[in-house]
């Protein structure tokens, strides 16, 4: 994200002149060692929570709570199904090349394949309530409003 300085200023010991373009990199903000201890380590219990992953202020992502919930559900289900999931260290992780976001393009993992036992499958399914099938709209019952049929011309004779 690029911004132009409105006036001369000092930013973290660097002089920024009026009109100068500054490149803001949110991914770098999330890895600032002055804010996050061991920023290169994935730590789900890291204190602080002042990351920029969902933006900030008026640019804060409205779906952040849903994204956090979805992540929790996915990770819990994955770890319930594959309790011995671990990194495969034969190949190092591959990172995307981007100034905007830090992310993996490849992360090899290893695990013991689960049994085919149906009980194991039910154990890892999220318990999200679903509407009974009688209440779900069907393509024909979901329509509302006037019919879209083409009116027929009357025979004047």
Foldseek 3Di string as FASTA:
>chain_A
DKDAACAWDADPNDTHHHRDIDDDALQVVQQDCVQFPPSVDDDPPTPDPPGQPQHDDPSGNPCVVVVVVVVVLVVQLVCLLFVPKDFDVPDDWAWDDDRHHTDTPDTHIDTDHGDPDVVSVVVSDDDDDDDPPVPDDDPVRPDDDDDPDDDDDDDPD
